[in-house]
Amino acid sequence: METIKHNLLTRFKLNPPRILALGFMMLIILGAILLNLPIASQNGESIGFINALFTSASAVCVTGLVVVNTAAHWTLFGKIVILILIQMGGLGIMTMATIVAMISGRKISLKERLVIKEQLNQETLSGLVKLTKYVIYLTFLIEGLGALFLSMKFIPQYGTIKGIWFSVFHAISAFCNAGFDITGNSLMDYNNSAIVILTVVALIVLGGIGFGVILDVVKNKRWSKLSLHSKLAISFTAFLIIFGAIIFYILESNNPLTMQGFTFKEKTLASLFASITPRTAGFNTIDTSALKQSSSLLTIIFMFIGGSPGSTAGGVKTLTMLVLIISTISIIRGESDVEVFKRRIPYETIFKSIAIIMIGITIVFIVTFILTLTEDQEFLNLLFETTSAFGTVGLSRGITSELSNAGRLILALTMYAGRVGPLTLAFAVGYKEEHKRYRYAEGNITVG
């Protein structure tokens, strides 16, 4: 009996991936308990634990899918809880723990450094605590500047106190790529407000590009001095934004249900926003449910890709997809090495990218399949909802509130898997410390 107990404890040793996974799970449960309190709802009644759990998971996983209107249903207490969950989920469990350690003057242990390394997708332990401090300062600085710009619109519209509250809430929600809003209609009433749209766009991009990239740009300034990671993240992000904006403009410009009645300025802003928000913010300036099927498919692809590694965004990540694209091109060209910007990409990185994308596709496929059994909805809507949950996006074709309890629980788990990360979650469940000390002989397999 003692041997079995020892083996179980050894098997479930709290390695960094498991600590992260458990940390997010505990935060979601705590948030659900608070949001389930009658004081959190406007009608003074409990929303029900499943709905509270779904909302908490959506906030912690910075997704933005909601079963009730955030502005109308939640009290100030409920909204503050949601905002705190968004900030903690966006920064990450260990970043918040570092803030507590900084305030209390406690040193960061080696175990905590290992978890921070996992959370920020860093390769080494060197300078991790310093990097985390920069992340904290940078986050509050960017969110503060975002709130300042948004206040130029919200304060004249709502008054000083309410305007500041709206500015702070949406700045944090945008930078953390959460997509929660307290306007009651996302940003659909601000199509012609360049300052709101461009500020939110800037916050989404900065939150989704990755903390490491921002610090690299601030430190080195010149393109030639940037790391390969930063160059690829910036290049691919810029390509996706420009490409997506052009395609959305072409597809939706004459759609009577979305942008047909817009001016050129409004169409341009809406197209830019529609290209950026799927990666992975969840705000919308046009009716997502009214998008053409082609636009919805493009949105699904963008949601699956998500933002960059080490950011507040979800998805399989931009560089994961880019590594796979570059590798495919290298194979087609018959090249033995995968090279970009005069650097060779390690095979370990390529294998890791393949694993992440395969796990992501598997999760989306299985969840969509299960939802087709539990929900009476169109397939496109279910695929859209599933990808939005996995990519922690928050966009919906209007079916979230119509989902069954089973469907809500399934999507809550999907949001959790997307926020923790497909590979991190896989490591948390099945990673083994011991490795083989031998290699088998190669065997030939015909593929393609």
Protein backbone atom coordinates (compact mmCIF):
# COMPACT_ATOMS: atom_id res chain seq x y z
CA MET A 1 0.00 0.00 0.00
CA GLU A 2 2.83 2.38 0.90
CA THR A 3 4.54 1.58 -2.40
CA ILE A 4 1.38 2.45 -4.37
CA LYS A 5 0.98 5.69 -2.43
CA HIS A 6 4.63 6.60 -3.04
CA ASN A 7 4.27 5.89 -6.77
CA LEU A 8 1.15 8.08 -6.99
CA LEU A 9 2.87 10.97 -5.21
CA THR A 10 5.90 10.61 -7.46
CA ARG A 11 3.74 10.46 -10.56
CA PHE A 12 1.82 13.61 -9.66
CA LYS A 13 4.84 15.62 -8.61
CA LEU A 14 4.11 19.34 -8.95
CA ASN A 15 6.35 20.29 -11.85
CA PRO A 16 6.02 23.83 -13.33
CA PRO A 17 3.33 22.92 -15.92
CA ARG A 18 1.20 21.31 -13.22
CA ILE A 19 1.61 24.26 -10.86
CA LEU A 20 0.44 26.62 -13.61
CA ALA A 21 -2.49 24.39 -14.52
CA LEU A 22 -3.59 24.04 -10.88
CA GLY A 23 -3.06 27.75 -10.22
CA PHE A 24 -5.41 28.78 -13.03
CA MET A 25 -7.94 26.15 -11.94
CA MET A 26 -7.98 27.39 -8.33
CA LEU A 27 -8.37 31.01 -9.48
CA ILE A 28 -11.31 30.04 -11.71
CA ILE A 29 -13.04 28.21 -8.84
CA LEU A 30 -12.47 31.13 -6.45
CA GLY A 31 -13.87 33.56 -9.04
CA ALA A 32 -16.90 31.32 -9.56
CA ILE A 33 -17.64 31.30 -5.83
CA LEU A 34 -17.51 35.12 -5.68
CA LEU A 35 -19.60 35.62 -8.83
CA ASN A 36 -22.16 33.13 -7.57
CA LEU A 37 -22.91 35.35 -4.57
CA PRO A 38 -26.25 37.24 -4.73
CA ILE A 39 -24.35 40.52 -4.18
CA ALA A 40 -22.70 40.05 -7.59
CA SER A 41 -25.99 40.11 -9.54
CA GLN A 42 -28.23 43.14 -10.11
CA ASN A 43 -31.39 41.18 -9.27
CA GLY A 44 -29.95 40.11 -5.89
CA GLU A 45 -30.19 36.43 -6.82
CA SER A 46 -27.42 33.92 -7.43
CA ILE A 47 -26.69 33.42 -11.12
CA GLY A 48 -26.12 29.69 -10.56
CA PHE A 49 -22.75 28.02 -10.11
CA ILE A 50 -22.39 26.77 -13.70
CA ASN A 51 -22.99 30.26 -15.11
CA ALA A 52 -20.66 31.75 -12.48
CA LEU A 53 -18.02 29.13 -13.32
CA PHE A 54 -18.35 29.87 -17.04
CA THR A 55 -17.98 33.62 -16.47
CA SER A 56 -15.03 33.13 -14.11
CA ALA A 57 -13.29 30.82 -16.60
CA SER A 58 -13.93 33.34 -19.36
CA ALA A 59 -12.41 36.15 -17.26
CA VAL A 60 -9.39 34.23 -15.92
CA CYS A 61 -8.69 32.77 -19.36
CA VAL A 62 -9.11 36.30 -20.80
CA THR A 63 -11.69 35.06 -23.30
CA GLY A 64 -14.79 37.25 -23.16
CA LEU A 65 -17.50 34.70 -23.91
CA VAL A 66 -20.50 35.53 -21.71
CA VAL A 67 -23.84 33.91 -20.88
CA VAL A 68 -25.30 37.21 -19.61
CA ASN A 69 -24.77 40.82 -20.61
CA THR A 70 -21.84 42.00 -18.46
CA ALA A 71 -23.09 45.60 -18.24
CA ALA A 72 -26.69 44.72 -17.42
CA HIS A 73 -26.39 41.69 -15.15
CA TRP A 74 -23.46 42.29 -12.80
CA THR A 75 -23.32 44.77 -9.95
CA LEU A 76 -20.27 46.95 -9.32
CA PHE A 77 -18.98 44.19 -7.04
CA GLY A 78 -19.40 41.60 -9.80
CA LYS A 79 -17.70 43.81 -12.38
CA ILE A 80 -14.76 44.49 -10.06
CA VAL A 81 -14.37 40.74 -9.46
CA ILE A 82 -14.40 40.14 -13.22
CA LEU A 83 -11.83 42.91 -13.77
CA ILE A 84 -9.49 41.48 -11.10
CA LEU A 85 -9.83 38.01 -12.63
CA ILE A 86 -9.00 39.46 -16.06
CA GLN A 87 -5.90 41.23 -14.73
CA MET A 88 -4.70 38.16 -12.83
CA GLY A 89 -5.43 35.87 -15.75
CA GLY A 90 -3.74 38.21 -18.22
CA LEU A 91 -0.58 38.71 -16.19
CA GLY A 92 -0.48 35.09 -15.08
CA ILE A 93 -0.47 33.37 -11.72
CA MET A 94 3.27 33.63 -11.09
CA THR A 95 3.46 37.27 -12.14
CA MET A 96 0.83 38.09 -9.53
CA ALA A 97 2.76 35.99 -7.00
CA THR A 98 5.86 38.02 -7.84
CA ILE A 99 3.94 41.24 -7.10
CA VAL A 100 3.05 39.85 -3.67
CA ALA A 101 6.67 38.83 -3.11
CA MET A 102 7.90 42.30 -4.12
CA ILE A 103 5.48 43.98 -1.70
CA SER A 104 6.39 41.65 1.17
CA GLY A 105 10.12 41.76 0.42
CA ARG A 106 10.32 37.97 0.02
CA LYS A 107 12.87 36.39 -2.35
CA ILE A 108 11.73 34.30 -5.32
CA SER A 109 12.62 30.62 -4.88
CA LEU A 110 14.11 28.38 -7.58
CA LYS A 111 10.81 26.48 -7.87
CA GLU A 112 8.96 29.74 -8.47
CA ARG A 113 11.54 30.78 -11.07
CA LEU A 114 10.95 27.52 -12.93
CA VAL A 115 7.21 28.20 -13.00
CA ILE A 116 7.80 31.79 -14.19
CA LYS A 117 10.03 30.39 -16.94
CA GLU A 118 7.19 28.11 -18.05
CA GLN A 119 4.61 30.90 -17.86
CA LEU A 120 6.61 33.45 -19.89
CA ASN A 121 7.88 30.86 -22.41
CA GLN A 122 11.51 31.64 -21.66
CA GLU A 123 14.40 29.35 -22.53
CA THR A 124 16.63 30.03 -19.50
CA LEU A 125 16.34 31.02 -15.85
CA SER A 126 18.69 33.96 -16.32
CA GLY A 127 17.12 37.34 -15.51
CA LEU A 128 13.62 35.92 -14.98
CA VAL A 129 12.75 37.94 -11.88
CA LYS A 130 14.00 41.13 -13.51
CA LEU A 131 11.96 40.31 -16.63
CA THR A 132 8.86 39.69 -14.50
CA LYS A 133 9.26 43.07 -12.80
CA TYR A 134 9.55 44.73 -16.22
CA VAL A 135 6.39 42.90 -17.31
CA ILE A 136 4.51 44.24 -14.28
CA TYR A 137 5.67 47.85 -14.73
CA LEU A 138 5.08 47.69 -18.49
CA THR A 139 1.58 46.30 -18.07
CA PHE A 140 0.43 49.02 -15.69
CA LEU A 141 2.09 51.73 -17.81
CA ILE A 142 0.41 50.61 -21.05
CA GLU A 143 -2.96 50.08 -19.38
CA GLY A 144 -2.68 53.52 -17.75
CA LEU A 145 -1.91 55.22 -21.07
CA GLY A 146 -4.74 53.29 -22.72
CA ALA A 147 -7.17 54.40 -20.03
CA LEU A 148 -5.99 58.00 -20.45
CA PHE A 149 -6.74 57.99 -24.19
CA LEU A 150 -10.08 56.23 -23.74
CA SER A 151 -11.07 58.78 -21.09
CA MET A 152 -10.99 61.48 -23.79
CA LYS A 153 -14.11 59.85 -25.21
CA PHE A 154 -15.71 58.23 -22.16
CA ILE A 155 -15.49 61.13 -19.68
CA PRO A 156 -17.37 63.61 -21.95
CA GLN A 157 -19.91 60.86 -22.67
CA TYR A 158 -20.45 59.37 -19.20
CA GLY A 159 -19.13 61.98 -16.77
CA THR A 160 -15.90 61.99 -14.75
CA ILE A 161 -16.31 59.06 -12.32
CA LYS A 162 -18.15 56.71 -14.68
CA GLY A 163 -15.92 57.77 -17.59
CA ILE A 164 -12.74 56.92 -15.65
CA TRP A 165 -14.23 53.57 -14.58
CA PHE A 166 -15.18 52.73 -18.18
CA SER A 167 -11.72 53.78 -19.39
CA VAL A 168 -9.85 51.66 -16.83
CA PHE A 169 -12.08 48.61 -17.33
CA HIS A 170 -11.79 48.59 -21.12
CA ALA A 171 -8.06 49.42 -21.11
CA ILE A 172 -7.33 46.40 -18.89
CA SER A 173 -9.75 44.20 -20.83
CA ALA A 174 -8.15 45.21 -24.15
CA PHE A 175 -4.51 44.86 -23.09
CA CYS A 176 -5.21 41.49 -21.48
CA ASN A 177 -7.03 40.51 -24.71
CA ALA A 178 -10.12 39.66 -22.65
CA GLY A 179 -12.92 41.27 -24.67
CA PHE A 180 -15.23 41.94 -21.71
CA ASP A 181 -17.14 45.21 -22.01
CA ILE A 182 -19.46 47.22 -19.78
CA THR A 183 -20.97 49.36 -22.53
CA GLY A 184 -23.59 46.67 -23.09
CA ASN A 185 -22.93 46.45 -26.83
CA SER A 186 -19.17 45.89 -27.07
CA LEU A 187 -17.72 48.68 -29.25
CA MET A 188 -20.43 48.68 -31.91
CA ASP A 189 -21.47 52.22 -30.93
CA TYR A 190 -17.95 53.58 -31.55
CA ASN A 191 -17.43 52.77 -35.24
CA ASN A 192 -16.78 56.41 -36.06
CA SER A 193 -14.59 57.11 -33.01
CA ALA A 194 -10.99 56.82 -34.17
CA ILE A 195 -9.62 57.48 -30.68
CA VAL A 196 -11.55 54.55 -29.14
CA ILE A 197 -10.95 52.10 -31.99
CA LEU A 198 -7.25 52.91 -32.47
CA THR A 199 -6.56 52.94 -28.71
CA VAL A 200 -8.20 49.54 -28.26
CA VAL A 201 -6.39 48.25 -31.36
CA ALA A 202 -3.04 49.43 -29.96
CA LEU A 203 -3.76 47.80 -26.58
CA ILE A 204 -4.76 44.51 -28.23
CA VAL A 205 -1.64 44.40 -30.41
CA LEU A 206 0.70 45.32 -27.55
CA GLY A 207 -0.93 42.76 -25.28
CA GLY A 208 -0.78 40.08 -27.96
CA ILE A 209 2.73 40.69 -29.34
CA GLY A 210 4.46 39.39 -26.20
CA PHE A 211 6.21 41.09 -23.29
CA GLY A 212 9.61 39.91 -24.46
CA VAL A 213 9.14 41.54 -27.86
CA ILE A 214 8.11 44.89 -26.37
CA LEU A 215 11.10 44.92 -24.02
CA ASP A 216 13.42 43.90 -26.87
CA VAL A 217 12.18 46.83 -28.99
CA VAL A 218 12.47 49.26 -26.07
CA LYS A 219 15.99 48.08 -25.29
CA ASN A 220 17.49 47.74 -28.79
CA LYS A 221 15.29 50.09 -30.86
CA ARG A 222 16.92 49.18 -34.20
CA TRP A 223 15.54 46.33 -36.33
CA SER A 224 19.00 44.85 -36.96
CA LYS A 225 19.59 44.42 -33.22
CA LEU A 226 16.32 42.68 -32.47
CA SER A 227 16.26 38.96 -31.66
CA LEU A 228 15.02 36.46 -34.23
CA HIS A 229 11.95 35.87 -32.06
CA SER A 230 11.05 39.57 -32.09
CA LYS A 231 11.62 39.96 -35.84
CA LEU A 232 9.38 37.00 -36.64
CA ALA A 233 6.67 38.02 -34.16
CA ILE A 234 6.51 41.59 -35.48
CA SER A 235 6.70 40.57 -39.15
CA PHE A 236 4.03 37.87 -39.01
CA THR A 237 1.72 39.95 -36.79
CA ALA A 238 1.97 42.90 -39.22
CA PHE A 239 1.29 40.57 -42.18
CA LEU A 240 -1.79 39.04 -40.53
CA ILE A 241 -3.18 42.47 -39.60
CA ILE A 242 -2.71 44.00 -43.07
CA PHE A 243 -3.80 40.87 -44.96
CA GLY A 244 -6.84 40.40 -42.72
CA ALA A 245 -7.92 44.05 -42.95
CA ILE A 246 -7.79 43.99 -46.75
CA ILE A 247 -9.74 40.72 -47.00
CA PHE A 248 -12.37 41.80 -44.46
CA TYR A 249 -12.82 45.10 -46.33
CA ILE A 250 -13.34 43.24 -49.61
CA LEU A 251 -15.70 40.64 -48.13
CA GLU A 252 -17.82 42.83 -45.85
CA SER A 253 -17.76 46.23 -47.53
CA ASN A 254 -21.04 45.55 -49.36
CA ASN A 255 -22.65 43.33 -46.72
CA PRO A 256 -25.94 45.09 -45.78
CA LEU A 257 -25.88 43.43 -42.37
CA THR A 258 -22.43 44.72 -41.40
CA MET A 259 -20.57 47.50 -43.24
CA GLN A 260 -22.58 48.51 -46.32
CA GLY A 261 -23.95 51.68 -44.72
CA PHE A 262 -20.59 52.76 -43.29
CA THR A 263 -18.51 55.65 -44.55
CA PHE A 264 -15.03 54.92 -45.96
CA LYS A 265 -13.48 55.86 -42.60
CA GLU A 266 -15.85 53.58 -40.69
CA LYS A 267 -15.26 50.70 -43.12
CA THR A 268 -11.50 51.11 -42.78
CA LEU A 269 -11.64 51.16 -38.98
CA ALA A 270 -14.08 48.24 -38.88
CA SER A 271 -11.93 46.15 -41.26
CA LEU A 272 -8.79 46.86 -39.25
CA PHE A 273 -10.60 45.99 -36.03
CA ALA A 274 -12.08 42.80 -37.51
CA SER A 275 -8.58 41.72 -38.51
CA ILE A 276 -7.04 42.36 -35.07
CA THR A 277 -9.75 41.39 -32.58
CA PRO A 278 -9.78 37.62 -33.40
CA ARG A 279 -6.17 37.46 -32.10
CA THR A 280 -7.46 37.28 -29.38
CA ALA A 281 -9.45 40.16 -27.89
CA GLY A 282 -13.12 39.44 -28.49
CA PHE A 283 -14.38 43.01 -28.87
CA ASN A 284 -16.44 43.70 -31.97
CA THR A 285 -17.55 46.80 -33.88
CA ILE A 286 -19.82 44.92 -36.28
CA ASP A 287 -22.34 42.14 -35.69
CA THR A 288 -20.26 38.94 -35.68
CA SER A 289 -23.33 36.76 -36.26
CA ALA A 290 -24.03 38.71 -39.49
CA LEU A 291 -20.61 38.05 -41.06
CA LYS A 292 -20.52 36.19 -44.36
CA GLN A 293 -19.45 32.54 -44.11
CA SER A 294 -16.15 33.38 -45.81
CA SER A 295 -15.46 36.09 -43.23
CA SER A 296 -16.43 33.73 -40.42
CA LEU A 297 -14.02 31.11 -41.73
CA LEU A 298 -11.19 33.66 -41.89
CA THR A 299 -12.05 34.73 -38.33
CA ILE A 300 -11.90 31.09 -37.19
CA ILE A 301 -8.41 30.74 -38.71
CA PHE A 302 -7.24 33.94 -37.00
CA MET A 303 -8.73 32.83 -33.67
CA PHE A 304 -6.94 29.49 -33.91
CA ILE A 305 -3.60 31.20 -34.61
CA GLY A 306 -4.00 33.72 -31.79
CA GLY A 307 -1.29 36.06 -30.55
CA SER A 308 2.44 35.68 -29.95
CA PRO A 309 4.18 33.52 -27.31
CA GLY A 310 4.69 35.05 -23.88
CA SER A 311 1.73 37.41 -24.28
CA THR A 312 -1.76 37.76 -22.84
CA ALA A 313 -3.24 36.22 -25.99
CA GLY A 314 -4.31 32.62 -26.61
CA GLY A 315 -4.38 30.34 -29.64
CA VAL A 316 -1.57 28.12 -30.88
CA LYS A 317 0.46 31.36 -31.26
CA THR A 318 1.76 33.19 -34.31
CA LEU A 319 5.31 31.85 -34.22
CA THR A 320 4.10 28.27 -33.83
CA MET A 321 2.17 28.59 -37.07
CA LEU A 322 4.96 30.54 -38.78
CA VAL A 323 7.57 27.89 -37.91
CA LEU A 324 5.33 25.26 -39.49
CA ILE A 325 4.83 27.39 -42.62
CA ILE A 326 8.58 28.07 -42.99
CA SER A 327 9.35 24.38 -42.40
CA THR A 328 6.87 23.35 -45.09
CA ILE A 329 8.42 25.79 -47.57
CA SER A 330 11.91 24.43 -46.74
CA ILE A 331 10.74 20.85 -47.37
CA ILE A 332 9.17 21.85 -50.70
CA ARG A 333 12.47 23.49 -51.71
CA GLY A 334 14.41 20.38 -50.73
CA GLU A 335 16.47 22.22 -48.10
CA SER A 336 18.04 20.22 -45.27
CA ASP A 337 17.80 23.09 -42.76
CA VAL A 338 14.95 25.42 -41.90
CA GLU A 339 16.34 28.94 -42.14
CA VAL A 340 14.94 32.45 -41.74
CA PHE A 341 16.66 35.85 -41.32
CA LYS A 342 20.03 34.06 -41.71
CA ARG A 343 19.32 31.85 -38.71
CA ARG A 344 18.59 28.11 -38.49
CA ILE A 345 15.52 26.97 -36.59
CA PRO A 346 16.27 23.97 -34.30
CA TYR A 347 14.42 20.73 -35.05
CA GLU A 348 13.25 20.66 -31.43
CA THR A 349 11.34 23.92 -32.05
CA ILE A 350 9.80 22.46 -35.22
CA PHE A 351 8.69 19.30 -33.41
CA LYS A 352 7.26 21.39 -30.58
CA SER A 353 5.31 23.51 -33.10
CA ILE A 354 3.89 20.39 -34.74
CA ALA A 355 2.82 19.03 -31.35
CA ILE A 356 1.11 22.29 -30.31
CA ILE A 357 -0.84 22.60 -33.56
CA MET A 358 -1.85 18.93 -33.56
CA ILE A 359 -3.05 19.14 -29.95
CA GLY A 360 -4.93 22.36 -30.80
CA ILE A 361 -6.63 20.84 -33.83
CA THR A 362 -7.53 17.74 -31.82
CA ILE A 363 -9.08 19.80 -29.00
CA VAL A 364 -11.12 21.94 -31.41
CA PHE A 365 -12.28 18.87 -33.37
CA ILE A 366 -13.29 16.84 -30.30
CA VAL A 367 -15.06 19.75 -28.57
CA THR A 368 -16.94 20.71 -31.74
CA PHE A 369 -17.97 17.07 -32.23
CA ILE A 370 -19.28 16.83 -28.65
CA LEU A 371 -21.18 20.12 -29.03
CA THR A 372 -22.93 18.78 -32.13
CA LEU A 373 -24.33 16.09 -29.83
CA THR A 374 -25.34 18.37 -26.95
CA GLU A 375 -26.48 21.49 -28.81
CA ASP A 376 -29.10 22.17 -31.48
CA GLN A 377 -27.07 24.72 -33.44
CA GLU A 378 -25.56 25.07 -36.90
CA PHE A 379 -22.14 23.47 -37.37
CA LEU A 380 -20.44 26.76 -38.33
CA ASN A 381 -21.72 28.40 -35.14
CA LEU A 382 -20.42 25.54 -33.00
CA LEU A 383 -17.02 25.49 -34.72
CA PHE A 384 -16.82 29.27 -34.33
CA GLU A 385 -17.73 29.08 -30.63
CA THR A 386 -15.28 26.26 -29.94
CA THR A 387 -12.37 27.97 -31.70
CA SER A 388 -13.21 31.22 -29.91
CA ALA A 389 -13.07 29.40 -26.56
CA PHE A 390 -9.85 27.54 -27.37
CA GLY A 391 -8.18 30.70 -28.70
CA THR A 392 -9.47 32.62 -25.63
CA VAL A 393 -11.00 35.15 -28.03
CA GLY A 394 -14.56 35.75 -26.91
CA LEU A 395 -16.20 36.40 -30.28
CA SER A 396 -19.49 34.59 -30.79
CA ARG A 397 -22.15 34.19 -33.43
CA GLY A 398 -24.76 34.76 -30.73
CA ILE A 399 -25.24 31.26 -29.35
CA THR A 400 -23.36 31.42 -26.02
CA SER A 401 -26.44 32.25 -23.93
CA GLU A 402 -28.39 29.48 -25.69
CA LEU A 403 -25.95 26.70 -24.80
CA SER A 404 -26.99 23.91 -22.46
CA ASN A 405 -25.27 23.48 -19.09
CA ALA A 406 -23.25 20.63 -20.57
CA GLY A 407 -22.18 22.86 -23.45
CA ARG A 408 -21.14 25.65 -21.07
CA LEU A 409 -19.04 23.29 -18.96
CA ILE A 410 -17.36 21.89 -22.07
CA LEU A 411 -16.51 25.38 -23.33
CA ALA A 412 -15.27 26.40 -19.87
CA LEU A 413 -12.82 23.49 -19.99
CA THR A 414 -11.85 24.49 -23.53
CA MET A 415 -11.10 28.06 -22.41
CA TYR A 416 -9.01 26.64 -19.58
CA ALA A 417 -7.04 24.44 -21.97
CA GLY A 418 -6.50 27.37 -24.32
CA ARG A 419 -5.25 29.71 -21.58
CA VAL A 420 -2.93 27.22 -19.90
CA GLY A 421 -1.61 26.26 -23.34
CA PRO A 422 -2.01 22.96 -25.24
CA LEU A 423 1.56 21.77 -24.66
CA THR A 424 1.76 22.99 -21.06
CA LEU A 425 -1.50 21.16 -20.30
CA ALA A 426 -0.19 18.04 -22.03
CA PHE A 427 3.02 18.23 -19.97
CA ALA A 428 0.98 18.75 -16.81
CA VAL A 429 -1.00 15.58 -17.49
CA GLY A 430 1.51 13.21 -19.05
CA TYR A 431 5.07 14.54 -18.77
CA LYS A 432 7.63 12.06 -17.44
CA GLU A 433 10.85 13.17 -15.78
CA GLU A 434 12.86 10.10 -16.77
CA HIS A 435 14.04 9.70 -20.34
CA LYS A 436 15.26 6.70 -22.30
CA ARG A 437 19.00 6.13 -22.30
CA TYR A 438 18.92 4.28 -25.59
CA ARG A 439 17.71 4.82 -29.17
CA TYR A 440 16.14 2.31 -31.53
CA ALA A 441 17.39 1.80 -35.07
CA GLU A 442 15.67 3.91 -37.70
CA GLY A 443 12.75 2.47 -39.63
CA ASN A 444 11.58 3.69 -43.02
CA ILE A 445 7.97 4.86 -43.46
CA THR A 446 6.46 6.21 -46.67
CA VAL A 447 4.36 9.36 -46.18
CA GLY A 448 2.63 11.82 -48.51
